[in-house]
Amino acid sequence: MKSDFSKARALVHRDNIDGAIQEYRRCFQETPDDPAGLFQAARLLREENRFTEAADTLREILRQFKDQDAVWIRAAFDLAELYEAPLDDKQTTAYLFREIVKRAPQSLQGSMAQARLQNHRKD
């Protein structure tokens, strides 16, 4: 079953960001096998410069979906980008990119992570 985010989107439109985040999380609770609600919450938190909360949400996805490679890789990549900037934690960024490369070296994210690691080594 696919989540319906129309209520959350309406809350965003009315500048009720906290309400929208709660609604995205409620959608996830209703369909716990679909991480889309958590990804939407993390995206919105990032857009609102609530980077620590966005990172917490992405770590939640990593824990909940550790056995689903595609979901895990997407969340890990998003989290690595948060740690890269604005959280400015190069060590954690490099760790996450290395884990993505190990887990899915042939994927798009794996290739992108490898390129980012090479750029970090140049810095």
N, C-alpha and C. Protein backbone atom coordinates (compact mmCIF):
# COMPACT_ATOMS: atom_id res chain seq x y z
N MET A 1 0.85 -1.19 0.00
CA MET A 1 0.00 0.00 0.00
C MET A 1 0.89 1.24 0.00
N LYS A 2 0.61 2.16 -0.85
CA LYS A 2 1.38 3.39 -0.97
C LYS A 2 0.77 4.46 -0.08
N SER A 3 1.64 5.22 0.57
CA SER A 3 1.17 6.27 1.47
C SER A 3 0.59 7.45 0.70
N ASP A 4 -0.38 8.11 1.32
CA ASP A 4 -0.96 9.33 0.76
C ASP A 4 -0.44 10.50 1.58
N PHE A 5 0.36 11.34 0.94
CA PHE A 5 0.98 12.46 1.64
C PHE A 5 0.24 13.77 1.45
N SER A 6 -0.99 13.72 0.96
CA SER A 6 -1.71 14.96 0.65
C SER A 6 -1.93 15.82 1.89
N LYS A 7 -2.22 15.20 3.02
CA LYS A 7 -2.43 15.97 4.25
C LYS A 7 -1.12 16.64 4.67
N ALA A 8 -0.02 15.92 4.60
CA ALA A 8 1.28 16.49 4.96
C ALA A 8 1.62 17.66 4.03
N ARG A 9 1.38 17.48 2.74
CA ARG A 9 1.67 18.56 1.79
C ARG A 9 0.81 19.79 2.07
N ALA A 10 -0.45 19.56 2.45
CA ALA A 10 -1.32 20.69 2.78
C ALA A 10 -0.80 21.42 4.02
N LEU A 11 -0.30 20.68 4.97
CA LEU A 11 0.26 21.30 6.18
C LEU A 11 1.50 22.13 5.84
N VAL A 12 2.33 21.62 4.95
CA VAL A 12 3.50 22.39 4.51
C VAL A 12 3.04 23.68 3.84
N HIS A 13 2.04 23.56 2.99
CA HIS A 13 1.52 24.73 2.26
C HIS A 13 1.03 25.80 3.24
N ARG A 14 0.53 25.38 4.41
CA ARG A 14 0.06 26.31 5.44
C ARG A 14 1.18 26.67 6.42
N ASP A 15 2.42 26.30 6.09
CA ASP A 15 3.60 26.58 6.93
C ASP A 15 3.52 25.91 8.30
N ASN A 16 2.81 24.80 8.37
CA ASN A 16 2.77 24.00 9.60
C ASN A 16 3.77 22.86 9.43
N ILE A 17 5.04 23.19 9.55
CA ILE A 17 6.11 22.24 9.29
C ILE A 17 6.10 21.10 10.30
N ASP A 18 5.96 21.42 11.58
CA ASP A 18 5.94 20.35 12.59
C ASP A 18 4.76 19.42 12.38
N GLY A 19 3.61 19.98 12.02
CA GLY A 19 2.46 19.14 11.73
C GLY A 19 2.70 18.24 10.53
N ALA A 20 3.35 18.78 9.51
CA ALA A 20 3.66 17.98 8.32
C ALA A 20 4.62 16.85 8.66
N ILE A 21 5.62 17.13 9.46
CA ILE A 21 6.57 16.09 9.86
C ILE A 21 5.86 15.00 10.64
N GLN A 22 4.98 15.40 11.55
CA GLN A 22 4.19 14.40 12.29
C GLN A 22 3.32 13.58 11.35
N GLU A 23 2.76 14.21 10.34
CA GLU A 23 1.91 13.50 9.39
C GLU A 23 2.73 12.51 8.56
N TYR A 24 3.92 12.92 8.12
CA TYR A 24 4.79 11.99 7.39
C TYR A 24 5.13 10.79 8.27
N ARG A 25 5.40 11.04 9.53
CA ARG A 25 5.72 9.93 10.45
C ARG A 25 4.50 9.02 10.68
N ARG A 26 3.32 9.64 10.74
CA ARG A 26 2.09 8.85 10.88
C ARG A 26 1.90 7.95 9.66
N CYS A 27 2.18 8.49 8.50
CA CYS A 27 2.08 7.69 7.27
C CYS A 27 3.03 6.49 7.35
N PHE A 28 4.22 6.72 7.85
CA PHE A 28 5.17 5.61 7.99
C PHE A 28 4.64 4.58 8.98
N GLN A 29 4.05 5.03 10.07
CA GLN A 29 3.51 4.08 11.06
C GLN A 29 2.39 3.23 10.45
N GLU A 30 1.63 3.81 9.54
CA GLU A 30 0.54 3.07 8.89
C GLU A 30 1.07 2.08 7.86
N THR A 31 2.21 2.40 7.24
CA THR A 31 2.82 1.52 6.24
C THR A 31 4.31 1.35 6.57
N PRO A 32 4.61 0.59 7.63
CA PRO A 32 6.00 0.50 8.10
C PRO A 32 6.95 -0.22 7.14
N ASP A 33 6.43 -0.83 6.10
CA ASP A 33 7.30 -1.46 5.11
C ASP A 33 7.68 -0.49 3.99
N ASP A 34 7.16 0.74 4.06
CA ASP A 34 7.44 1.77 3.05
C ASP A 34 8.12 2.96 3.73
N PRO A 35 9.40 3.20 3.44
CA PRO A 35 10.12 4.28 4.11
C PRO A 35 9.83 5.67 3.57
N ALA A 36 8.94 5.80 2.59
CA ALA A 36 8.72 7.09 1.93
C ALA A 36 8.36 8.19 2.91
N GLY A 37 7.55 7.89 3.91
CA GLY A 37 7.18 8.92 4.89
C GLY A 37 8.38 9.45 5.64
N LEU A 38 9.28 8.56 6.03
CA LEU A 38 10.49 8.99 6.73
C LEU A 38 11.41 9.78 5.81
N PHE A 39 11.54 9.34 4.56
CA PHE A 39 12.35 10.11 3.61
C PHE A 39 11.78 11.51 3.41
N GLN A 40 10.45 11.61 3.33
CA GLN A 40 9.83 12.93 3.17
C GLN A 40 10.06 13.80 4.40
N ALA A 41 9.95 13.20 5.58
CA ALA A 41 10.20 13.95 6.81
C ALA A 41 11.65 14.44 6.84
N ALA A 42 12.59 13.58 6.48
CA ALA A 42 14.01 13.97 6.47
C ALA A 42 14.26 15.09 5.47
N ARG A 43 13.65 14.99 4.29
CA ARG A 43 13.80 16.03 3.27
C ARG A 43 13.30 17.38 3.79
N LEU A 44 12.11 17.35 4.40
CA LEU A 44 11.52 18.59 4.91
C LEU A 44 12.37 19.17 6.04
N LEU A 45 12.86 18.32 6.92
CA LEU A 45 13.72 18.79 8.01
C LEU A 45 14.98 19.44 7.44
N ARG A 46 15.56 18.85 6.42
CA ARG A 46 16.75 19.44 5.80
C ARG A 46 16.41 20.79 5.18
N GLU A 47 15.31 20.85 4.47
CA GLU A 47 14.90 22.12 3.85
C GLU A 47 14.70 23.22 4.89
N GLU A 48 14.30 22.82 6.08
CA GLU A 48 14.06 23.77 7.17
C GLU A 48 15.32 24.03 8.01
N ASN A 49 16.47 23.52 7.52
CA ASN A 49 17.76 23.68 8.22
C ASN A 49 17.77 23.02 9.60
N ARG A 50 16.98 21.99 9.76
CA ARG A 50 16.95 21.20 11.00
C ARG A 50 17.76 19.94 10.75
N PHE A 51 19.07 20.17 10.58
CA PHE A 51 19.96 19.13 10.08
C PHE A 51 20.13 17.96 11.05
N THR A 52 20.21 18.23 12.32
CA THR A 52 20.38 17.15 13.29
C THR A 52 19.16 16.25 13.31
N GLU A 53 17.98 16.83 13.24
CA GLU A 53 16.75 16.05 13.19
C GLU A 53 16.65 15.25 11.89
N ALA A 54 17.08 15.86 10.80
CA ALA A 54 17.09 15.14 9.52
C ALA A 54 18.03 13.95 9.60
N ALA A 55 19.21 14.15 10.19
CA ALA A 55 20.17 13.05 10.35
C ALA A 55 19.60 11.96 11.24
N ASP A 56 18.92 12.32 12.31
CA ASP A 56 18.30 11.33 13.19
C ASP A 56 17.26 10.49 12.42
N THR A 57 16.49 11.15 11.57
CA THR A 57 15.47 10.45 10.78
C THR A 57 16.12 9.50 9.79
N LEU A 58 17.19 9.93 9.15
CA LEU A 58 17.89 9.05 8.20
C LEU A 58 18.53 7.87 8.92
N ARG A 59 19.08 8.10 10.12
CA ARG A 59 19.62 6.97 10.90
C ARG A 59 18.51 5.99 11.28
N GLU A 60 17.33 6.51 11.54
CA GLU A 60 16.18 5.65 11.83
C GLU A 60 15.88 4.75 10.62
N ILE A 61 15.94 5.31 9.42
CA ILE A 61 15.73 4.52 8.21
C ILE A 61 16.81 3.45 8.10
N LEU A 62 18.07 3.82 8.36
CA LEU A 62 19.16 2.84 8.29
C LEU A 62 18.90 1.66 9.23
N ARG A 63 18.42 1.96 10.43
CA ARG A 63 18.14 0.88 11.40
C ARG A 63 16.95 0.02 10.96
N GLN A 64 15.89 0.68 10.54
CA GLN A 64 14.65 -0.04 10.21
C GLN A 64 14.77 -0.87 8.93
N PHE A 65 15.64 -0.44 8.01
CA PHE A 65 15.71 -1.06 6.70
C PHE A 65 17.12 -1.58 6.40
N LYS A 66 17.81 -2.02 7.44
CA LYS A 66 19.20 -2.46 7.27
C LYS A 66 19.35 -3.64 6.33
N ASP A 67 18.30 -4.41 6.13
CA ASP A 67 18.37 -5.58 5.25
C ASP A 67 17.85 -5.31 3.84
N GLN A 68 17.44 -4.09 3.58
CA GLN A 68 16.94 -3.73 2.25
C GLN A 68 17.95 -2.78 1.59
N ASP A 69 18.79 -3.35 0.75
CA ASP A 69 19.92 -2.61 0.20
C ASP A 69 19.53 -1.28 -0.44
N ALA A 70 18.54 -1.26 -1.29
CA ALA A 70 18.20 -0.03 -2.01
C ALA A 70 17.80 1.08 -1.04
N VAL A 71 17.00 0.75 -0.05
CA VAL A 71 16.56 1.75 0.93
C VAL A 71 17.75 2.19 1.78
N TRP A 72 18.52 1.21 2.25
CA TRP A 72 19.67 1.52 3.11
C TRP A 72 20.66 2.43 2.38
N ILE A 73 20.95 2.11 1.13
CA ILE A 73 21.92 2.89 0.36
C ILE A 73 21.43 4.32 0.15
N ARG A 74 20.17 4.48 -0.18
CA ARG A 74 19.62 5.83 -0.38
C ARG A 74 19.72 6.64 0.91
N ALA A 75 19.34 6.04 2.04
CA ALA A 75 19.39 6.75 3.32
C ALA A 75 20.83 7.05 3.71
N ALA A 76 21.73 6.10 3.49
CA ALA A 76 23.14 6.32 3.83
C ALA A 76 23.74 7.43 2.99
N PHE A 77 23.40 7.48 1.71
CA PHE A 77 23.92 8.54 0.85
C PHE A 77 23.40 9.90 1.28
N ASP A 78 22.10 9.98 1.56
CA ASP A 78 21.52 11.24 2.04
C ASP A 78 22.18 11.67 3.34
N LEU A 79 22.41 10.71 4.23
CA LEU A 79 23.03 11.01 5.51
C LEU A 79 24.48 11.47 5.31
N ALA A 80 25.20 10.81 4.43
CA ALA A 80 26.58 11.21 4.14
C ALA A 80 26.63 12.65 3.63
N GLU A 81 25.68 12.99 2.78
CA GLU A 81 25.64 14.37 2.27
C GLU A 81 25.37 15.37 3.39
N LEU A 82 24.53 14.99 4.35
CA LEU A 82 24.29 15.87 5.50
C LEU A 82 25.57 16.04 6.32
N TYR A 83 26.26 14.92 6.54
CA TYR A 83 27.49 15.00 7.33
C TYR A 83 28.58 15.77 6.59
N GLU A 84 28.57 15.67 5.27
CA GLU A 84 29.57 16.39 4.47
C GLU A 84 29.38 17.90 4.63
N ALA A 85 28.19 18.33 4.44
CA ALA A 85 27.79 19.73 4.63
C ALA A 85 26.29 19.70 4.77
N PRO A 86 25.76 20.25 5.72
CA PRO A 86 26.19 21.29 6.61
C PRO A 86 26.78 20.83 7.95
N LEU A 87 26.70 19.56 8.29
CA LEU A 87 27.18 19.12 9.60
C LEU A 87 28.71 19.07 9.69
N ASP A 88 29.38 19.08 8.57
CA ASP A 88 30.83 19.19 8.48
C ASP A 88 31.56 18.16 9.34
N ASP A 89 31.22 16.90 9.12
CA ASP A 89 31.90 15.78 9.80
C ASP A 89 32.49 14.89 8.71
N LYS A 90 33.70 15.23 8.31
CA LYS A 90 34.36 14.53 7.19
C LYS A 90 34.60 13.06 7.49
N GLN A 91 34.91 12.73 8.74
CA GLN A 91 35.19 11.34 9.10
C GLN A 91 33.94 10.47 8.92
N THR A 92 32.82 10.93 9.41
CA THR A 92 31.58 10.17 9.26
C THR A 92 31.15 10.12 7.80
N THR A 93 31.33 11.22 7.09
CA THR A 93 31.01 11.26 5.66
C THR A 93 31.79 10.17 4.93
N ALA A 94 33.11 10.12 5.15
CA ALA A 94 33.95 9.13 4.47
C ALA A 94 33.55 7.71 4.87
N TYR A 95 33.24 7.50 6.15
CA TYR A 95 32.81 6.17 6.60
C TYR A 95 31.55 5.73 5.85
N LEU A 96 30.56 6.61 5.78
CA LEU A 96 29.31 6.25 5.10
C LEU A 96 29.53 5.99 3.62
N PHE A 97 30.33 6.82 2.97
CA PHE A 97 30.61 6.59 1.55
C PHE A 97 31.32 5.25 1.35
N ARG A 98 32.27 4.91 2.24
CA ARG A 98 32.95 3.61 2.12
C ARG A 98 31.97 2.45 2.30
N GLU A 99 31.05 2.58 3.23
CA GLU A 99 30.04 1.53 3.45
C GLU A 99 29.13 1.37 2.24
N ILE A 100 28.77 2.48 1.61
CA ILE A 100 27.94 2.41 0.41
C ILE A 100 28.70 1.69 -0.70
N VAL A 101 29.97 2.03 -0.88
CA VAL A 101 30.78 1.39 -1.92
C VAL A 101 30.91 -0.10 -1.65
N LYS A 102 31.09 -0.48 -0.39
CA LYS A 102 31.19 -1.91 -0.03
C LYS A 102 29.88 -2.64 -0.33
N ARG A 103 28.80 -2.00 0.01
CA ARG A 103 27.49 -2.66 -0.09
C ARG A 103 26.97 -2.71 -1.51
N ALA A 104 27.28 -1.69 -2.30
CA ALA A 104 26.71 -1.64 -3.66
C ALA A 104 27.68 -0.95 -4.61
N PRO A 105 28.81 -1.56 -4.87
CA PRO A 105 29.83 -0.89 -5.69
C PRO A 105 29.37 -0.60 -7.12
N GLN A 106 28.46 -1.39 -7.66
CA GLN A 106 28.02 -1.21 -9.05
C GLN A 106 26.81 -0.30 -9.19
N SER A 107 26.26 0.15 -8.07
CA SER A 107 25.07 1.01 -8.14
C SER A 107 25.47 2.45 -8.45
N LEU A 108 24.49 3.24 -8.81
CA LEU A 108 24.73 4.66 -9.06
C LEU A 108 25.28 5.33 -7.80
N GLN A 109 24.65 5.05 -6.65
CA GLN A 109 25.12 5.64 -5.41
C GLN A 109 26.53 5.16 -5.07
N GLY A 110 26.82 3.88 -5.37
CA GLY A 110 28.16 3.35 -5.12
C GLY A 110 29.19 4.08 -5.95
N SER A 111 28.90 4.33 -7.21
CA SER A 111 29.81 5.08 -8.08
C SER A 111 29.96 6.52 -7.60
N MET A 112 28.86 7.12 -7.22
CA MET A 112 28.92 8.50 -6.74
C MET A 112 29.70 8.58 -5.43
N ALA A 113 29.50 7.60 -4.54
CA ALA A 113 30.22 7.57 -3.27
C ALA A 113 31.72 7.40 -3.52
N GLN A 114 32.08 6.54 -4.47
CA GLN A 114 33.49 6.33 -4.80
C GLN A 114 34.11 7.64 -5.30
N ALA A 115 33.41 8.35 -6.14
CA ALA A 115 33.92 9.63 -6.65
C ALA A 115 34.07 10.64 -5.53
N ARG A 116 33.12 10.67 -4.63
CA ARG A 116 33.20 11.61 -3.50
C ARG A 116 34.38 11.26 -2.60
N LEU A 117 34.62 9.97 -2.38
CA LEU A 117 35.77 9.56 -1.57
C LEU A 117 37.07 10.02 -2.22
N GLN A 118 37.15 9.89 -3.52
CA GLN A 118 38.37 10.35 -4.22
C GLN A 118 38.55 11.85 -4.07
N ASN A 119 37.47 12.60 -4.13
CA ASN A 119 37.55 14.05 -3.94
C ASN A 119 38.00 14.40 -2.53
N HIS A 120 37.51 13.62 -1.53
CA HIS A 120 37.90 13.87 -0.14
C HIS A 120 39.39 13.62 0.05
N ARG A 121 39.92 12.63 -0.64
CA ARG A 121 41.34 12.32 -0.50
C ARG A 121 42.21 13.44 -1.06
N LYS A 122 41.66 14.16 -2.05
CA LYS A 122 42.41 15.26 -2.66
C LYS A 122 42.44 16.48 -1.75
N ASP A 123 41.42 16.61 -0.90
CA ASP A 123 41.32 17.78 -0.01
C ASP A 123 42.38 17.80 1.07
